[in-house]
């Protein structure tokens, strides 16, 4: 029983980390695109 609960918790934790990485990556891309737009407008 403890092993099953542990496996479920580890699985959920892993999935939440993967989801967080995608969110952070997307935010980073948005910030990068914003910076590039500013560079283009000042050139």
N, C-alpha and C. Protein backbone atom coordinates (compact mmCIF):
# COMPACT_ATOMS: atom_id res chain seq x y z
N UNK A 1 0.83 -1.20 0.00
CA UNK A 1 0.00 0.00 0.00
C UNK A 1 0.87 1.26 0.00
N UNK A 2 1.89 1.29 0.86
CA UNK A 2 2.75 2.47 0.91
C UNK A 2 3.50 2.65 -0.40
N UNK A 3 3.87 1.55 -1.01
CA UNK A 3 4.60 1.63 -2.28
C UNK A 3 3.71 2.22 -3.38
N UNK A 4 2.46 1.85 -3.41
CA UNK A 4 1.52 2.36 -4.41
C UNK A 4 1.32 3.86 -4.22
N UNK A 5 1.13 4.28 -2.98
CA UNK A 5 0.94 5.70 -2.69
C UNK A 5 2.21 6.47 -3.07
N UNK A 6 3.36 5.93 -2.77
CA UNK A 6 4.62 6.59 -3.12
C UNK A 6 4.77 6.73 -4.63
N UNK A 7 4.43 5.70 -5.37
CA UNK A 7 4.52 5.76 -6.83
C UNK A 7 3.56 6.81 -7.41
N UNK A 8 2.38 6.87 -6.85
CA UNK A 8 1.40 7.86 -7.31
C UNK A 8 1.91 9.27 -7.03
N UNK A 9 2.45 9.50 -5.84
CA UNK A 9 2.95 10.83 -5.49
C UNK A 9 4.14 11.23 -6.37
N UNK A 10 5.04 10.30 -6.61
CA UNK A 10 6.19 10.59 -7.47
C UNK A 10 5.72 10.90 -8.89
N UNK A 11 4.76 10.15 -9.38
CA UNK A 11 4.23 10.39 -10.72
C UNK A 11 3.59 11.77 -10.83
N UNK A 12 2.79 12.14 -9.85
CA UNK A 12 2.14 13.45 -9.86
C UNK A 12 3.18 14.57 -9.77
N UNK A 13 4.18 14.38 -8.94
CA UNK A 13 5.23 15.39 -8.80
C UNK A 13 5.98 15.57 -10.11
N UNK A 14 6.29 14.47 -10.79
CA UNK A 14 7.00 14.53 -12.07
C UNK A 14 6.16 15.25 -13.12
N UNK A 15 4.89 14.94 -13.18
CA UNK A 15 4.01 15.59 -14.15
C UNK A 15 3.89 17.09 -13.87
N UNK A 16 3.84 17.47 -12.60
CA UNK A 16 3.73 18.89 -12.28
C UNK A 16 5.01 19.63 -12.65
N UNK A 17 6.17 18.98 -12.49
CA UNK A 17 7.43 19.61 -12.89
C UNK A 17 7.48 19.82 -14.40
N UNK A 18 7.04 18.83 -15.15
CA UNK A 18 7.05 18.94 -16.60
C UNK A 18 6.12 20.05 -17.06
N UNK A 19 4.99 20.17 -16.43
CA UNK A 19 4.06 21.25 -16.77
C UNK A 19 4.63 22.61 -16.44
N UNK A 20 5.34 22.70 -15.34
CA UNK A 20 5.97 23.96 -14.95
C UNK A 20 7.06 24.37 -15.91
N UNK A 21 7.83 23.41 -16.39
CA UNK A 21 8.89 23.73 -17.34
C UNK A 21 8.31 24.31 -18.62
N UNK A 22 7.22 23.76 -19.08
CA UNK A 22 6.59 24.29 -20.29
C UNK A 22 6.10 25.71 -20.07
N UNK A 23 5.56 25.98 -18.91
CA UNK A 23 5.06 27.32 -18.61
C UNK A 23 6.21 28.31 -18.54
N UNK A 24 7.29 27.94 -17.88
CA UNK A 24 8.45 28.83 -17.75
C UNK A 24 9.09 29.04 -19.11
N UNK A 25 9.18 28.00 -19.90
CA UNK A 25 9.76 28.13 -21.24
C UNK A 25 8.93 29.09 -22.08
N UNK A 26 7.62 28.97 -22.01
CA UNK A 26 6.74 29.87 -22.77
C UNK A 26 6.89 31.31 -22.33
N UNK A 27 7.01 31.53 -21.02
CA UNK A 27 7.19 32.88 -20.52
C UNK A 27 8.52 33.45 -20.99
N UNK A 28 9.54 32.63 -20.99
CA UNK A 28 10.85 33.07 -21.47
C UNK A 28 10.81 33.46 -22.94
N UNK A 29 10.09 32.70 -23.73
CA UNK A 29 9.97 33.02 -25.15
C UNK A 29 9.22 34.32 -25.35
N UNK A 30 8.17 34.56 -24.56
CA UNK A 30 7.42 35.81 -24.66
C UNK A 30 8.30 37.00 -24.31
N UNK A 31 9.10 36.87 -23.26
CA UNK A 31 9.99 37.96 -22.86
C UNK A 31 11.04 38.22 -23.94
N UNK A 32 11.58 37.15 -24.51
CA UNK A 32 12.57 37.29 -25.57
C UNK A 32 11.98 37.99 -26.79
N UNK A 33 10.78 37.62 -27.18
CA UNK A 33 10.12 38.25 -28.32
C UNK A 33 9.86 39.72 -28.05
N UNK A 34 9.49 40.05 -26.81
CA UNK A 34 9.29 41.45 -26.45
C UNK A 34 10.58 42.24 -26.56
N UNK A 35 11.68 41.67 -26.11
CA UNK A 35 12.98 42.34 -26.22
C UNK A 35 13.38 42.55 -27.66
N UNK A 36 13.12 41.57 -28.50
CA UNK A 36 13.45 41.70 -29.92
C UNK A 36 12.60 42.79 -30.58
N UNK A 37 11.35 42.90 -30.18
CA UNK A 37 10.49 43.95 -30.74
C UNK A 37 11.00 45.33 -30.34
N UNK A 38 11.47 45.46 -29.12
CA UNK A 38 12.03 46.74 -28.66
C UNK A 38 13.29 47.08 -29.46
N UNK A 39 14.15 46.07 -29.70
CA UNK A 39 15.36 46.30 -30.48
C UNK A 39 15.03 46.75 -31.90
N UNK A 40 14.03 46.12 -32.50
CA UNK A 40 13.64 46.48 -33.86
C UNK A 40 13.09 47.92 -33.91
N UNK A 41 12.35 48.31 -32.90
CA UNK A 41 11.75 49.64 -32.91
C UNK A 41 12.77 50.74 -32.68
N UNK A 42 13.88 50.44 -32.03
CA UNK A 42 14.90 51.45 -31.78
C UNK A 42 15.93 51.53 -32.90
N UNK A 43 15.93 50.58 -33.81
CA UNK A 43 16.92 50.56 -34.90
C UNK A 43 16.54 51.48 -36.01
